[in-house]
Protein backbone atom coordinates (compact mmCIF):
# COMPACT_ATOMS: atom_id res chain seq x y z
CA MET A 1 -32.96 -37.74 5.24
CA GLU A 2 -29.93 -35.82 6.59
CA LYS A 3 -30.23 -32.68 8.65
CA VAL A 4 -30.86 -29.45 6.71
CA ASN A 5 -28.10 -27.38 8.29
CA SER A 6 -26.68 -25.60 5.24
CA ALA A 7 -27.81 -22.16 4.10
CA ALA A 8 -31.49 -21.89 3.21
CA THR A 9 -32.55 -19.49 0.45
CA PHE A 10 -35.18 -16.76 0.50
CA VAL A 11 -36.61 -16.49 -3.03
CA MET A 12 -37.88 -12.99 -3.86
CA PRO A 13 -39.43 -11.87 -7.17
CA HIS A 14 -38.80 -8.17 -7.75
CA TYR A 15 -40.91 -5.87 -9.90
CA LEU A 16 -40.96 -2.34 -8.56
CA ARG A 17 -41.94 1.05 -9.90
CA GLY A 18 -38.91 2.83 -8.49
CA ASP A 19 -40.85 5.31 -6.34
CA GLU A 20 -39.97 6.04 -2.74
CA GLU A 21 -42.74 3.88 -1.28
CA SER A 22 -41.78 0.75 -3.22
CA ARG A 23 -38.11 1.20 -2.27
CA ARG A 24 -39.11 1.58 1.37
CA HIS A 25 -41.18 -1.60 1.24
CA LEU A 26 -38.27 -3.49 -0.30
CA ASP A 27 -35.93 -2.15 2.39
CA GLU A 28 -38.34 -3.30 5.10
CA THR A 29 -38.62 -6.76 3.55
CA LEU A 30 -34.87 -7.17 3.39
CA GLU A 31 -34.50 -5.84 6.93
CA SER A 32 -36.94 -8.53 8.11
CA ILE A 33 -34.63 -11.13 6.55
CA TYR A 34 -31.53 -9.60 8.13
CA LYS A 35 -33.27 -9.87 11.51
CA GLN A 36 -33.63 -13.67 11.28
CA THR A 37 -32.59 -15.45 14.47
CA ASP A 38 -31.11 -18.16 12.23
CA VAL A 39 -28.40 -16.33 10.28
CA ASN A 40 -27.62 -19.23 7.94
CA TRP A 41 -29.43 -17.87 4.89
CA LYS A 42 -29.01 -16.36 1.45
CA VAL A 43 -31.52 -14.43 -0.62
CA VAL A 44 -31.90 -14.55 -4.39
CA ILE A 45 -33.71 -11.57 -5.87
CA ILE A 46 -35.08 -11.97 -9.38
CA ASP A 47 -35.92 -8.69 -11.10
CA ASP A 48 -38.73 -9.23 -13.61
CA LEU A 49 -37.74 -6.32 -15.86
CA SER A 50 -38.94 -3.61 -13.50
CA PRO A 51 -40.39 -0.72 -15.54
CA SER A 52 -38.16 1.83 -13.82
CA GLU A 53 -34.42 1.82 -14.45
CA SER A 54 -33.99 3.52 -11.10
CA ALA A 55 -35.55 0.45 -9.45
CA ARG A 56 -33.04 -1.83 -11.18
CA THR A 57 -30.18 0.48 -10.26
CA TYR A 58 -31.35 0.50 -6.65
CA ILE A 59 -31.49 -3.29 -6.44
CA ARG A 60 -28.01 -3.54 -7.99
CA GLU A 61 -26.69 -1.25 -5.27
CA ILE A 62 -28.35 -3.33 -2.55
CA ALA A 63 -26.89 -6.59 -3.90
CA ALA A 64 -23.42 -5.07 -4.33
CA LYS A 65 -23.30 -4.10 -0.65
CA ASN A 66 -23.59 -7.72 0.51
CA PRO A 67 -22.67 -10.19 -2.25
CA GLU A 68 -22.11 -12.98 0.29
CA LYS A 69 -25.79 -12.91 1.25
CA ILE A 70 -27.63 -11.46 -1.76
CA HIS A 71 -27.61 -12.85 -5.28
CA LEU A 72 -29.30 -10.81 -8.00
CA ILE A 73 -30.77 -12.09 -11.26
CA LEU A 74 -31.68 -9.31 -13.71
CA LYS A 75 -34.11 -10.57 -16.35
CA GLU A 76 -34.58 -8.94 -19.75
CA THR A 77 -38.19 -10.07 -20.14
CA ASN A 78 -41.26 -9.76 -17.94
CA ASP A 79 -42.72 -13.22 -17.22
CA GLY A 80 -44.50 -12.95 -13.87
CA PRO A 81 -43.66 -13.91 -10.29
CA GLY A 82 -44.04 -17.67 -10.78
CA TYR A 83 -41.41 -17.72 -13.53
CA CYS A 84 -39.12 -15.63 -11.30
CA ARG A 85 -39.56 -18.02 -8.39
CA ASN A 86 -38.63 -20.93 -10.67
CA LEU A 87 -35.35 -19.17 -11.52
CA GLY A 88 -34.73 -18.60 -7.82
CA VAL A 89 -35.41 -22.25 -7.02
CA ASP A 90 -33.01 -23.30 -9.80
CA TRP A 91 -30.30 -21.11 -8.26
CA ALA A 92 -30.97 -22.48 -4.75
CA TYR A 93 -30.88 -26.04 -6.09
CA GLU A 94 -27.51 -25.45 -7.76
CA LYS A 95 -26.12 -23.98 -4.53
CA GLY A 96 -27.30 -26.94 -2.46
CA SER A 97 -29.86 -25.08 -0.36
CA PRO A 98 -31.91 -27.71 1.49
CA PHE A 99 -35.07 -25.63 1.39
CA VAL A 100 -36.37 -22.32 0.09
CA LEU A 101 -38.59 -19.72 1.72
CA PHE A 102 -40.73 -17.65 -0.60
CA ILE A 103 -41.05 -13.96 0.18
CA ASP A 104 -42.56 -11.17 -1.91
CA ALA A 105 -40.73 -7.86 -2.13
CA ASP A 106 -43.15 -5.98 0.13
CA ASP A 107 -44.06 -8.60 2.74
CA LEU A 108 -42.37 -8.96 6.13
CA ALA A 109 -40.85 -12.14 7.54
CA ASP A 110 -41.08 -12.85 11.25
CA PRO A 111 -37.60 -12.94 12.88
CA HIS A 112 -38.09 -16.62 13.75
CA ARG A 113 -39.40 -17.74 10.37
CA LEU A 114 -36.23 -19.50 9.19
CA GLU A 115 -35.45 -20.94 12.62
CA VAL A 116 -38.93 -22.45 12.91
CA ALA A 117 -38.91 -23.91 9.40
CA ARG A 118 -35.47 -25.47 9.79
CA LYS A 119 -36.45 -27.07 13.10
CA ILE A 120 -39.55 -28.65 11.55
CA PHE A 121 -37.71 -29.92 8.48
CA ASN A 122 -35.01 -31.43 10.72
CA ASN A 123 -37.48 -33.06 13.10
CA ASP A 124 -39.78 -34.44 10.38
CA PRO A 125 -37.97 -35.99 7.39
CA LYS A 126 -41.30 -36.40 5.56
CA ALA A 127 -42.19 -32.70 5.77
CA SER A 128 -42.18 -31.29 2.24
CA VAL A 129 -43.81 -27.93 3.00
CA VAL A 130 -43.91 -25.80 6.13
CA TYR A 131 -46.36 -22.93 6.25
CA THR A 132 -47.56 -20.49 8.85
CA THR A 133 -50.30 -17.95 9.23
CA PHE A 134 -50.17 -14.21 8.58
CA SER A 135 -51.55 -10.85 9.54
CA VAL A 136 -52.37 -8.08 7.07
CA VAL A 137 -50.66 -4.69 7.11
CA ASP A 138 -51.16 -1.61 4.97
CA GLU A 139 -48.67 0.51 3.02
CA GLU A 140 -47.42 2.02 6.29
CA SER A 141 -47.07 -1.41 7.95
CA ASN A 142 -50.08 -0.71 10.18
CA PRO A 143 -52.48 -3.61 10.93
CA VAL A 144 -55.56 -3.73 8.69
CA PRO A 145 -58.79 -4.45 10.63
CA GLN A 146 -60.47 -7.74 9.76
CA GLU A 147 -63.65 -6.01 8.64
CA LYS A 148 -61.68 -4.26 5.88
CA LEU A 149 -60.34 -7.51 4.44
CA SER A 150 -61.97 -9.29 1.51
CA PRO A 151 -64.03 -12.45 2.18
CA SER A 152 -61.38 -14.60 0.49
CA ILE A 153 -58.60 -13.25 2.76
CA ASN A 154 -60.73 -13.76 5.84
CA GLU A 155 -61.47 -17.30 4.64
CA ILE A 156 -57.74 -18.08 4.63
CA ILE A 157 -57.09 -16.61 8.08
CA ASP A 158 -60.13 -18.34 9.57
CA GLY A 159 -58.95 -21.61 8.05
CA HIS A 160 -55.74 -21.38 10.08
CA LYS A 161 -57.64 -21.12 13.36
CA HIS A 162 -59.49 -24.42 13.08
CA ASN A 163 -57.63 -27.56 12.02
CA PRO A 164 -55.40 -26.12 9.25
CA PRO A 165 -54.67 -28.71 6.53
CA GLN A 166 -51.67 -30.91 7.24
CA GLY A 167 -50.36 -34.33 6.31
CA GLU A 168 -49.76 -36.24 3.09
CA ASN A 169 -53.06 -35.40 1.41
CA ALA A 170 -53.42 -31.78 2.51
CA TRP A 171 -54.30 -30.87 -1.09
CA ILE A 172 -57.64 -32.66 -0.73
CA GLU A 173 -58.76 -30.61 2.25
CA ILE A 174 -57.36 -27.42 0.72
CA GLY A 175 -59.18 -28.03 -2.55
CA THR A 176 -62.47 -29.38 -1.29
CA THR A 177 -63.00 -27.84 2.15
CA LYS A 178 -60.71 -24.95 3.09
CA GLY A 179 -59.94 -23.22 -0.18
CA TYR A 180 -56.69 -21.31 -0.62
CA THR A 181 -54.62 -21.98 2.50
CA ASN A 182 -50.92 -21.12 2.49
CA LEU A 183 -49.83 -17.61 1.58
CA THR A 184 -46.76 -17.51 -0.68
CA SER A 185 -44.71 -15.36 1.70
CA ALA A 186 -45.54 -17.77 4.54
CA THR A 187 -44.48 -20.95 2.68
CA ALA A 188 -41.20 -22.87 2.84
CA VAL A 189 -40.53 -26.00 0.78
CA ARG A 190 -37.73 -28.50 0.38
CA THR A 191 -35.73 -27.45 -2.65
CA GLU A 192 -35.97 -30.80 -4.44
CA ILE A 193 -39.77 -30.63 -4.28
CA ALA A 194 -39.80 -27.05 -5.56
CA LYS A 195 -37.48 -28.05 -8.37
CA LYS A 196 -39.63 -31.05 -9.32
CA PHE A 197 -42.90 -29.10 -9.34
CA PRO A 198 -42.25 -25.61 -10.77
CA PHE A 199 -44.77 -22.80 -10.87
CA PRO A 200 -46.95 -22.85 -14.01
CA PRO A 201 -46.69 -20.08 -16.65
CA GLU A 202 -49.56 -18.13 -15.11
CA ARG A 203 -49.80 -14.71 -13.44
CA VAL A 204 -52.90 -15.41 -11.35
CA SER A 205 -53.20 -18.23 -8.76
CA GLU A 206 -49.89 -19.71 -9.89
CA ASP A 207 -49.11 -20.30 -6.22
CA SER A 208 -52.34 -22.20 -5.48
CA HIS A 209 -51.70 -24.39 -8.55
CA THR A 210 -48.21 -25.17 -7.23
CA TRP A 211 -49.16 -25.90 -3.61
CA MET A 212 -51.63 -28.56 -4.66
CA ARG A 213 -48.98 -30.30 -6.75
CA TYR A 214 -46.43 -30.00 -3.92
CA SER A 215 -48.86 -31.86 -1.67
CA ALA A 216 -50.06 -34.50 -4.14
CA GLY A 217 -46.60 -35.20 -5.55
CA GLY A 218 -44.56 -34.77 -2.38
CA ASP A 219 -44.99 -35.83 1.22
CA LYS A 220 -46.40 -33.90 4.16
CA PHE A 221 -47.65 -30.35 4.63
CA VAL A 222 -46.90 -29.03 8.13
CA TYR A 223 -48.61 -26.01 9.64
CA THR A 224 -47.14 -23.96 12.46
CA PRO A 225 -48.59 -20.86 14.14
CA GLU A 226 -45.04 -19.76 14.97
CA GLY A 227 -43.32 -17.07 12.93
CA PRO A 228 -46.36 -15.52 11.22
CA THR A 229 -45.75 -13.39 8.13
CA ARG A 230 -46.99 -9.84 7.78
CA TYR A 231 -48.72 -9.66 4.40
CA ARG A 232 -48.92 -6.22 2.84
CA ILE A 233 -52.17 -5.17 1.19
CA PRO A 234 -52.01 -1.42 0.38
CA GLN A 235 -55.19 0.41 1.23
CA ASN A 236 -54.44 3.44 -0.97
CA THR A 237 -55.01 1.68 -4.32
CA ALA A 238 -58.18 0.61 -6.10
CA GLY A 239 -57.01 -2.93 -6.81
CA SER A 240 -54.04 -5.20 -7.39
CA SER A 241 -51.92 -5.06 -10.53
CA SER A 242 -52.87 -8.67 -11.28
CA ARG A 243 -56.55 -7.72 -11.33
CA SER A 244 -55.87 -4.77 -13.62
CA ARG A 245 -53.82 -6.97 -15.94
CA GLU A 246 -56.63 -9.54 -16.18
CA GLY A 247 -59.18 -6.91 -17.20
CA GLY A 248 -60.51 -6.07 -13.77
CA ARG A 249 -62.08 -7.99 -10.94
CA HIS A 250 -64.21 -10.34 -13.06
CA GLY A 251 -61.32 -11.18 -15.37
CA PHE A 252 -59.10 -11.90 -12.38
CA TYR A 253 -61.57 -14.36 -10.87
CA ARG A 254 -62.27 -15.97 -14.24
CA THR A 255 -58.55 -16.66 -14.60
CA LYS A 256 -58.33 -17.85 -11.00
CA ALA A 257 -61.11 -20.37 -11.62
CA ARG A 258 -59.32 -21.74 -14.68
CA VAL A 259 -55.89 -21.97 -13.05
CA ASP A 260 -57.14 -23.42 -9.76
CA THR A 261 -59.14 -26.07 -11.60
CA ASP A 262 -56.13 -27.06 -13.67
CA GLY A 263 -53.98 -27.26 -10.54
CA PHE A 264 -56.44 -29.51 -8.75
CA SER A 265 -56.79 -31.70 -11.85
CA GLN A 266 -53.01 -32.14 -12.01
CA ALA A 267 -52.91 -32.89 -8.28
CA LEU A 268 -55.50 -35.62 -8.83
CA GLU A 269 -53.34 -37.26 -11.49
CA LEU A 270 -50.20 -37.04 -9.34
CA ALA A 271 -52.01 -38.59 -6.39
CA LEU A 272 -53.31 -41.41 -8.58
CA GLU A 273 -49.78 -42.09 -9.87
CA LYS A 274 -48.42 -42.27 -6.31
CA GLY A 275 -51.31 -44.42 -5.09
CA LYS A 276 -52.45 -41.77 -2.61
CA ILE A 277 -56.06 -42.07 -3.79
CA ASP A 278 -58.14 -44.73 -5.50
CA PRO A 279 -59.41 -44.18 -9.07
CA GLY A 280 -62.98 -44.38 -7.75
CA GLN A 281 -62.42 -41.22 -5.70
CA LYS A 282 -61.52 -39.05 -8.69
CA ASN A 283 -64.98 -37.83 -9.75
CA GLU A 284 -66.18 -37.19 -6.21
CA LEU A 285 -63.07 -35.17 -5.32
CA MET A 286 -63.32 -33.12 -8.52
CA ILE A 287 -66.97 -32.30 -7.88
CA LYS A 288 -66.25 -31.32 -4.28
CA PHE A 289 -63.45 -29.08 -5.50
CA LEU A 290 -65.65 -27.36 -8.09
CA ILE A 291 -68.39 -26.74 -5.54
CA LYS A 292 -65.93 -25.38 -2.96
CA LEU A 293 -64.37 -23.03 -5.52
CA GLY A 294 -67.84 -21.95 -6.57
CA ASP A 295 -68.67 -21.12 -2.97
CA THR A 296 -65.53 -19.01 -2.65
CA LEU A 297 -66.33 -17.12 -5.85
CA ALA A 298 -69.94 -16.63 -4.80
CA GLN A 299 -68.70 -14.94 -1.62
CA GLU A 300 -66.90 -12.50 -3.92
CA ASN A 301 -70.22 -11.93 -5.80
CA GLU A 302 -68.97 -13.79 -8.87
CA ILE A 303 -72.28 -15.64 -9.20
CA GLU A 304 -72.05 -16.57 -12.87
CA LEU A 305 -68.57 -18.02 -12.44
CA ALA A 306 -69.84 -20.00 -9.45
CA ARG A 307 -72.78 -21.34 -11.47
CA ASP A 308 -70.44 -22.31 -14.32
CA LEU A 309 -68.42 -24.43 -11.90
CA VAL A 310 -71.54 -26.22 -10.69
CA LYS A 311 -72.57 -26.84 -14.31
CA ARG A 312 -69.16 -28.40 -14.89
CA SER A 313 -69.64 -30.65 -11.87
CA ILE A 314 -73.06 -31.67 -13.22
CA GLY A 315 -71.30 -32.69 -16.43
CA ILE A 316 -69.28 -35.14 -14.35
CA SER A 317 -72.29 -36.48 -12.43
CA LYS A 318 -75.61 -34.76 -11.79
CA GLU A 319 -76.56 -37.21 -9.07
CA LEU A 320 -73.29 -36.88 -7.22
CA THR A 321 -73.36 -33.09 -7.57
CA GLY A 322 -76.84 -32.92 -6.10
CA ALA A 323 -75.86 -35.20 -3.23
CA ILE A 324 -72.76 -33.17 -2.38
CA LEU A 325 -74.65 -29.89 -2.60
CA SER A 326 -77.24 -31.25 -0.18
CA GLU A 327 -74.54 -32.58 2.12
CA LYS A 328 -72.88 -29.18 2.23
CA GLY A 329 -76.18 -27.39 2.77
CA PHE A 330 -76.10 -25.42 -0.49
CA THR A 331 -79.45 -26.62 -1.85
CA GLY A 332 -81.77 -23.75 -2.70
CA GLN A 333 -79.11 -21.10 -3.11
CA GLU A 334 -79.37 -19.27 -6.41
CA TRP A 335 -75.86 -20.03 -7.62
CA THR A 336 -76.11 -23.76 -6.86
CA ALA A 337 -79.27 -24.54 -8.85
CA VAL A 338 -78.70 -27.87 -10.65
CA ASP A 339 -81.76 -28.04 -12.89
C-alpha cells in the first residue's frame, strides 16, 4: 500500500443550538485542528439541520473564511451523527483522502493527532484503524475528576491502561472482554474501510456498531497513547441529548443493548466470511459478548436489561452460558442467575 501523504480529512457532524457556549466549543474544536503539527488536512463539517438559524449562519461564516481547508455540507433533514459522518466519508473518498479522523464539534484534538495517525498508517500497511486514549473535560475545558465519571467511561479509560485491544481480531476482545474501547473523536480510519462499512441508521451506539465491523471486515486496529483527545462531557446538564431522545436513561441503555448486539452479530458474520474465525466459535463468542454487555449494563444499575441479555445467551446454550459465567466469576450475582 502506498504512502498516505495526501490531505487527510477531519469529519465533523454539526448540530448546535446557536448559543454562545456552543459557538465557543466549536471555535475551540476548530482551533485544535488548526494547531495540528501536520498541516496537510481538510475538515468537512456536516450540519444536521441545527435548530438555530444563527448556528447555521455562524458555520457558513466560518467555512467562508477558509474555503481551502473547510468544506461545509448543510443538510435539510436531521438524521443523526452517524448519517452525517457517512456524508463526510463520502466527500473524503471523492477527494482522495487516504484516511479520515472523526471529531465531534465540542471535543479537542491533540496537536499531534494527525501526525501520529499518518505515521502509523505509513509504517503499517495493514493498519485499518488508529485510535488513542482521551481525558474528560467539562464545559469550561477543565479536567473532570475520575470519581465524577460514569462507570462506563471509567471502564473505557481503564481499558486503555492495560493491554488495549489491537490486531486483526480486536473486535473479539472489545466485544467480549473490554467493552466499548475507542472514542469516536479519538478514532482515525482508512477512507476505503470507512466507505465500505458505513455507520448504521442509529442515534445511539452507532459508533460501537461501526468499530466492530471495521475490525471484523478490515485489517488491524492499532492503539497509541500519543495524541490523546480531550472529550467534553458538560457537568452543567442533567444528561445527554441522546438519552433524552431515547426516553431517558433506561431507554438509552435499552437502545444501546439492541444496537451493540446487532453490531457484534454483523461482525461475527463478516469474520466468518473472511475466515477470521471458525464456525464452531460463533455461539461461544456471542454468549461471551452478551455476558460482557450485561456486566457493563449492570454497572450502570440496568439490572433487568443485564438479565435479559443473560436469558438470550441461555437461549443459545444454557450449558455454555453457565460455564462462561463461572469462568468469569459471575456465579451467584443477582443479575446473572441462569435458572
